[in-house]
Protein backbone atom coordinates (compact mmCIF):
# COMPACT_ATOMS: atom_id res chain seq x y z
CA MET A 1 0.94 6.96 -20.27
CA LYS A 2 0.58 9.97 -22.55
CA LYS A 3 4.32 10.11 -23.11
CA ILE A 4 4.65 6.35 -23.64
CA PHE A 5 1.84 6.09 -26.20
CA SER A 6 2.81 9.19 -28.18
CA GLU A 7 6.47 8.24 -28.72
CA ASP A 8 7.74 8.02 -32.29
CA ILE A 9 7.80 4.62 -33.91
CA ARG A 10 11.34 3.28 -34.24
CA THR A 11 12.87 3.58 -37.70
CA LYS A 12 13.21 -0.21 -37.73
CA TYR A 13 9.48 -0.33 -38.54
CA SER A 14 8.87 1.29 -41.89
CA ARG A 15 5.21 0.47 -42.49
CA TYR A 16 4.08 3.66 -40.75
CA PRO A 17 5.67 7.11 -40.44
CA PRO A 18 7.54 7.75 -37.16
CA SER A 19 4.83 10.10 -35.88
CA HIS A 20 2.00 7.55 -36.44
CA ASN A 21 1.49 6.93 -32.70
CA LYS A 22 1.28 10.65 -32.01
CA HIS A 23 -1.41 11.08 -34.68
CA ILE A 24 -3.48 8.24 -33.23
CA PHE A 25 -3.05 9.72 -29.75
CA GLU A 26 -4.18 13.16 -30.93
CA ASN A 27 -7.20 11.69 -32.75
CA LEU A 28 -8.30 9.88 -29.59
CA ILE A 29 -7.86 12.99 -27.44
CA ASN A 30 -9.78 15.11 -29.98
CA GLU A 31 -12.55 12.54 -30.49
CA SER A 32 -15.98 14.04 -31.21
CA ASP A 33 -17.72 11.48 -28.95
CA GLU A 34 -17.38 13.03 -25.48
CA ILE A 35 -17.54 9.67 -23.67
CA LYS A 36 -14.65 8.22 -25.70
CA LYS A 37 -12.71 11.46 -25.40
CA SER A 38 -13.15 11.51 -21.62
CA THR A 39 -12.18 7.84 -21.27
CA PHE A 40 -9.00 8.16 -23.34
CA THR A 41 -8.04 11.42 -21.60
CA LYS A 42 -8.34 9.70 -18.20
CA ILE A 43 -6.29 6.71 -19.37
CA PHE A 44 -3.56 8.85 -20.94
CA ASN A 45 -3.29 10.92 -17.76
CA LEU A 46 -2.51 7.84 -15.66
CA THR A 47 1.08 7.15 -14.73
CA PHE A 48 2.88 3.94 -15.58
CA LEU A 49 2.92 3.05 -11.88
CA ASP A 50 -0.86 3.53 -11.67
CA CYS A 51 -1.28 0.99 -14.46
CA LEU A 52 1.28 -1.36 -12.92
CA ASN A 53 -0.49 -1.18 -9.55
CA HIS A 54 -3.79 -2.00 -11.25
CA PHE A 55 -2.18 -4.93 -13.08
CA ARG A 56 -0.72 -6.21 -9.80
CA GLY A 57 -4.12 -5.87 -8.10
CA GLY A 58 -2.86 -3.34 -5.53
CA ILE A 59 -5.40 -0.73 -6.57
CA ILE A 60 -8.33 -1.21 -8.90
CA LEU A 61 -8.93 1.70 -11.26
CA ASP A 62 -12.34 2.11 -12.87
CA ASP A 63 -10.66 3.60 -15.96
CA LEU A 64 -8.81 0.31 -16.51
CA GLN A 65 -11.85 -1.88 -16.00
CA GLY A 66 -11.58 -4.98 -18.16
CA ILE A 67 -7.78 -5.22 -17.98
CA ASN A 68 -6.84 -8.40 -16.16
CA GLN A 69 -4.62 -8.48 -13.13
CA ILE A 70 -1.45 -10.56 -12.96
CA ASN A 71 -3.11 -13.29 -10.87
CA ASN A 72 -5.73 -13.85 -13.57
CA TYR A 73 -3.04 -14.24 -16.22
CA ILE A 74 -1.17 -16.79 -14.16
CA LYS A 75 -4.28 -18.72 -13.02
CA GLU A 76 -5.83 -18.86 -16.48
CA GLY A 77 -2.56 -19.84 -18.17
CA LYS A 78 -2.53 -16.77 -20.42
CA ILE A 79 1.26 -16.61 -20.35
CA ASP A 80 2.14 -18.88 -23.28
CA ASN A 81 4.39 -21.86 -22.60
CA ALA A 82 4.99 -20.73 -19.03
CA ASP A 83 5.87 -23.24 -16.36
CA GLU A 84 5.36 -22.64 -12.65
CA GLU A 85 8.91 -21.36 -12.13
CA TYR A 86 8.51 -18.76 -14.89
CA CYS A 87 5.20 -17.58 -13.42
CA THR A 88 6.79 -17.25 -9.98
CA ILE A 89 9.68 -15.20 -11.37
CA PHE A 90 7.32 -13.05 -13.48
CA ASN A 91 5.14 -12.40 -10.44
CA TYR A 92 8.21 -11.47 -8.36
CA PHE A 93 9.45 -8.95 -10.93
CA MET A 94 6.02 -7.37 -11.37
CA ASN A 95 5.55 -6.99 -7.61
CA ASN A 96 9.06 -5.62 -7.05
CA PHE A 97 9.39 -3.53 -10.20
CA GLU A 98 10.01 -0.18 -8.46
CA ASN A 99 12.65 -1.64 -6.14
CA ILE A 100 14.46 -3.39 -8.98
CA ILE A 101 14.53 -0.27 -11.16
CA THR A 102 15.63 2.10 -8.39
CA ALA A 103 18.37 -0.31 -7.27
CA LYS A 104 19.95 -0.35 -10.73
CA LYS A 105 23.12 1.63 -11.02
CA ALA A 106 23.88 3.53 -14.17
CA ARG A 107 26.93 2.30 -15.96
CA LYS A 108 29.93 4.54 -15.91
CA ARG A 109 30.35 5.93 -19.41
CA LYS A 110 33.76 6.62 -20.83
CA SER A 111 34.47 10.26 -21.35
CA LYS A 112 36.30 11.61 -24.37
CA ASN A 113 39.39 12.02 -22.19
CA ASP A 114 39.44 8.27 -21.41
CA ILE A 115 39.71 7.25 -25.05
């Protein structure tokens, strides 16, 4: 999560400098309140798959307490304008995310010799 949250802001968004996320990240990690500092350090040291597993309800992480799982979003209708078919498809993709990503094949790029 550390790498995801500290990425530069895309140049498409000009309201903040590109390194804005990194500065926020560093401020949270260097927080003077030890409890906040510890909490954010634990969260930023999680992997994306840890967070995804928590969201899916596979494992419950104390550090992500208060973040709803996918079933709560679907049951409570928190996915705006979503019909039952959309919720089923969304649930499928969330539960099979790793398999879908690993099954993807990289496209074959043209080399300079092919042009």
